[in-house]
C-alpha atoms as a PDB file:
ATOM      1  CA  MET A   1    -113.354  81.428 -13.137  1.00  0.00           C
ATOM      2  CA  ASN A   2    -112.693  84.591 -12.058  1.00  0.00           C
ATOM      3  CA  PHE A   3    -109.529  86.138  -9.825  1.00  0.00           C
ATOM      4  CA  ALA A   4    -111.945  87.950  -7.547  1.00  0.00           C
ATOM      5  CA  ALA A   5    -113.322  84.047  -6.138  1.00  0.00           C
ATOM      6  CA  TRP A   6    -109.512  82.599  -5.810  1.00  0.00           C
ATOM      7  CA  ALA A   7    -108.797  86.061  -3.412  1.00  0.00           C
ATOM      8  CA  VAL A   8    -111.311  85.412  -1.981  1.00  0.00           C
ATOM      9  CA  PHE A   9    -111.100  81.760  -1.232  1.00  0.00           C
ATOM     10  CA  LEU A  10    -107.238  82.624  -0.234  1.00  0.00           C
ATOM     11  CA  VAL A  11    -108.440  84.638   2.632  1.00  0.00           C
ATOM     12  CA  ALA A  12    -111.579  82.175   4.027  1.00  0.00           C
ATOM     13  CA  ALA A  13    -108.751  79.326   3.894  1.00  0.00           C
ATOM     14  CA  VAL A  14    -106.326  81.598   5.502  1.00  0.00           C
ATOM     15  CA  LEU A  15    -109.136  82.267   8.450  1.00  0.00           C
ATOM     16  CA  GLU A  16    -110.259  78.591   8.694  1.00  0.00           C
ATOM     17  CA  VAL A  17    -106.457  77.000   8.918  1.00  0.00           C
ATOM     18  CA  GLY A  18    -104.835  80.185  11.024  1.00  0.00           C
ATOM     19  CA  GLY A  19    -108.167  79.805  13.143  1.00  0.00           C
ATOM     20  CA  ASN A  20    -107.162  75.700  13.211  1.00  0.00           C
ATOM     21  CA  ALA A  21    -103.500  77.018  14.030  1.00  0.00           C
ATOM     22  CA  LEU A  22    -105.135  79.198  16.750  1.00  0.00           C
ATOM     23  CA  ILE A  23    -107.230  77.067  18.412  1.00  0.00           C
ATOM     24  CA  ARG A  24    -104.787  73.847  18.358  1.00  0.00           C
ATOM     25  CA  ALA A  25    -102.142  76.791  20.115  1.00  0.00           C
ATOM     26  CA  GLY A  26    -104.221  77.551  22.040  1.00  0.00           C
ATOM     27  CA  LEU A  27    -105.103  74.015  23.185  1.00  0.00           C
ATOM     28  CA  ARG A  28    -101.723  72.784  23.842  1.00  0.00           C
ATOM     29  CA  GLY A  29    -100.324  75.668  25.952  1.00  0.00           C
ATOM     30  CA  GLN A  30    -103.874  76.635  27.445  1.00  0.00           C
ATOM     31  CA  ARG A  31    -104.856  79.797  26.314  1.00  0.00           C
ATOM     32  CA  VAL A  32    -108.454  80.645  26.347  1.00  0.00           C
ATOM     33  CA  THR A  33    -107.485  83.819  24.412  1.00  0.00           C
ATOM     34  CA  LEU A  34    -106.234  82.130  21.754  1.00  0.00           C
ATOM     35  CA  ILE A  35    -109.077  79.383  21.559  1.00  0.00           C
ATOM     36  CA  VAL A  36    -111.363  82.782  21.595  1.00  0.00           C
ATOM     37  CA  THR A  37    -109.611  83.683  18.850  1.00  0.00           C
ATOM     38  CA  GLY A  38    -110.105  80.713  17.146  1.00  0.00           C
ATOM     39  CA  ALA A  39    -112.929  80.640  16.629  1.00  0.00           C
ATOM     40  CA  LEU A  40    -113.730  83.844  15.754  1.00  0.00           C
ATOM     41  CA  ALA A  41    -111.649  83.738  12.968  1.00  0.00           C
ATOM     42  CA  LEU A  42    -113.021  80.410  11.939  1.00  0.00           C
ATOM     43  CA  ALA A  43    -116.945  81.934  12.092  1.00  0.00           C
ATOM     44  CA  SER A  44    -115.475  84.907   9.333  1.00  0.00           C
ATOM     45  CA  TYR A  45    -114.228  82.203   7.245  1.00  0.00           C
ATOM     46  CA  GLY A  46    -118.270  81.336   7.179  1.00  0.00           C
ATOM     47  CA  LEU A  47    -119.151  84.324   6.619  1.00  0.00           C
ATOM     48  CA  VAL A  48    -115.929  84.855   3.790  1.00  0.00           C
ATOM     49  CA  VAL A  49    -116.612  81.635   1.540  1.00  0.00           C
ATOM     50  CA  ASN A  50    -120.768  82.852   1.931  1.00  0.00           C
ATOM     51  CA  THR A  51    -119.404  85.820  -0.628  1.00  0.00           C
ATOM     52  CA  VAL A  52    -119.035  83.898  -3.752  1.00  0.00           C
ATOM     53  CA  ARG A  53    -122.320  83.793  -5.857  1.00  0.00           C
ATOM     54  CA  TRP A  54    -121.777  79.903  -6.939  1.00  0.00           C
ATOM     55  CA  ASP A  55    -123.574  76.934  -6.360  1.00  0.00           C
ATOM     56  CA  PHE A  56    -122.887  76.180  -2.925  1.00  0.00           C
ATOM     57  CA  ALA A  57    -120.928  72.458  -4.273  1.00  0.00           C
ATOM     58  CA  ARG A  58    -119.195  74.443  -6.563  1.00  0.00           C
ATOM     59  CA  LEU A  59    -118.806  76.805  -4.274  1.00  0.00           C
ATOM     60  CA  LEU A  60    -116.905  74.379  -1.504  1.00  0.00           C
ATOM     61  CA  GLY A  61    -115.498  71.648  -4.106  1.00  0.00           C
ATOM     62  CA  ALA A  62    -113.789  74.176  -5.818  1.00  0.00           C
ATOM     63  CA  TYR A  63    -113.081  75.794  -2.046  1.00  0.00           C
ATOM     64  CA  VAL A  64    -112.082  72.288  -0.441  1.00  0.00           C
ATOM     65  CA  ALA A  65    -108.738  72.474  -2.689  1.00  0.00           C
ATOM     66  CA  VAL A  66    -107.674  75.724  -1.585  1.00  0.00           C
ATOM     67  CA  PHE A  67    -108.568  75.278   2.825  1.00  0.00           C
ATOM     68  CA  ALA A  68    -106.145  72.234   2.115  1.00  0.00           C
ATOM     69  CA  SER A  69    -103.021  73.471  -0.215  1.00  0.00           C
ATOM     70  CA  LEU A  70    -102.660  75.531   2.846  1.00  0.00           C
ATOM     71  CA  GLY A  71    -103.679  73.338   5.304  1.00  0.00           C
ATOM     72  CA  VAL A  72    -100.578  70.944   3.981  1.00  0.00           C
ATOM     73  CA  LEU A  73     -98.603  73.802   4.141  1.00  0.00           C
ATOM     74  CA  PHE A  74     -99.689  74.916   7.543  1.00  0.00           C
ATOM     75  CA  GLY A  75     -98.894  72.180   9.050  1.00  0.00           C
ATOM     76  CA  ARG A  76     -94.978  72.376   7.202  1.00  0.00           C
ATOM     77  CA  PHE A  77     -93.977  75.289   7.522  1.00  0.00           C
ATOM     78  CA  VAL A  78     -96.039  76.794  10.716  1.00  0.00           C
ATOM     79  CA  PHE A  79     -95.748  73.277  12.907  1.00  0.00           C
ATOM     80  CA  ARG A  80     -92.875  72.109  11.281  1.00  0.00           C
ATOM     81  CA  GLU A  81     -94.315  68.712  10.219  1.00  0.00           C
ATOM     82  CA  SER A  82     -93.407  65.924   8.092  1.00  0.00           C
ATOM     83  CA  VAL A  83     -95.434  65.565   5.165  1.00  0.00           C
ATOM     84  CA  SER A  84     -95.795  62.893   3.486  1.00  0.00           C
ATOM     85  CA  LEU A  85     -95.720  61.934   0.023  1.00  0.00           C
ATOM     86  CA  PRO A  86     -99.431  60.623   0.408  1.00  0.00           C
ATOM     87  CA  THR A  87    -100.041  63.596   1.727  1.00  0.00           C
ATOM     88  CA  TRP A  88     -99.329  65.683  -0.991  1.00  0.00           C
ATOM     89  CA  PHE A  89    -100.470  62.875  -3.457  1.00  0.00           C
ATOM     90  CA  GLY A  90    -103.872  62.839  -1.505  1.00  0.00           C
ATOM     91  CA  LEU A  91    -103.539  67.174  -2.355  1.00  0.00           C
ATOM     92  CA  TRP A  92    -102.284  66.422  -5.879  1.00  0.00           C
ATOM     93  CA  LEU A  93    -106.132  64.711  -5.623  1.00  0.00           C
ATOM     94  CA  LEU A  94    -107.776  67.420  -4.563  1.00  0.00           C
ATOM     95  CA  VAL A  95    -106.458  70.209  -6.604  1.00  0.00           C
ATOM     96  CA  VAL A  96    -107.507  67.728  -9.340  1.00  0.00           C
ATOM     97  CA  GLY A  97    -110.670  67.189  -8.093  1.00  0.00           C
ATOM     98  CA  ALA A  98    -111.164  71.060  -8.206  1.00  0.00           C
ATOM     99  CA  ILE A  99    -110.375  71.802 -11.777  1.00  0.00           C
ATOM    100  CA  VAL A 100    -112.821  69.087 -13.090  1.00  0.00           C
ATOM    101  CA  ILE A 101    -115.002  70.758 -10.810  1.00  0.00           C
ATOM    102  CA  GLN A 102    -114.988  74.047 -12.680  1.00  0.00           C
ATOM    103  CA  VAL A 103    -114.376  73.165 -15.590  1.00  0.00           C
ATOM    104  CA  GLY A 104    -117.407  70.693 -15.693  1.00  0.00           C
ATOM    105  CA  GLU A 105    -118.995  73.732 -15.511  1.00  0.00           C
END
């Protein structure tokens, strides 16, 4: 586990979650430009996350925890949604799973 890989994961997660958020906002507000921008961000996420040269399973196993964490935080602070205790617990399970994947390699 190196810092550069986690920085790449963070950038990729911002692109993926942000792209989804833009598409969601575009659909709700009927704004095609937001939808297209969101689609470009989602395509960029795929390019960025795959710059880390790990085995695919290890790569996505760790990335899912970063993505899920950012997704929950976006839901809470960007969309002002209430996050339930089971969601926080599930997120915790994902993070623990990512740690197991990393330590086990």
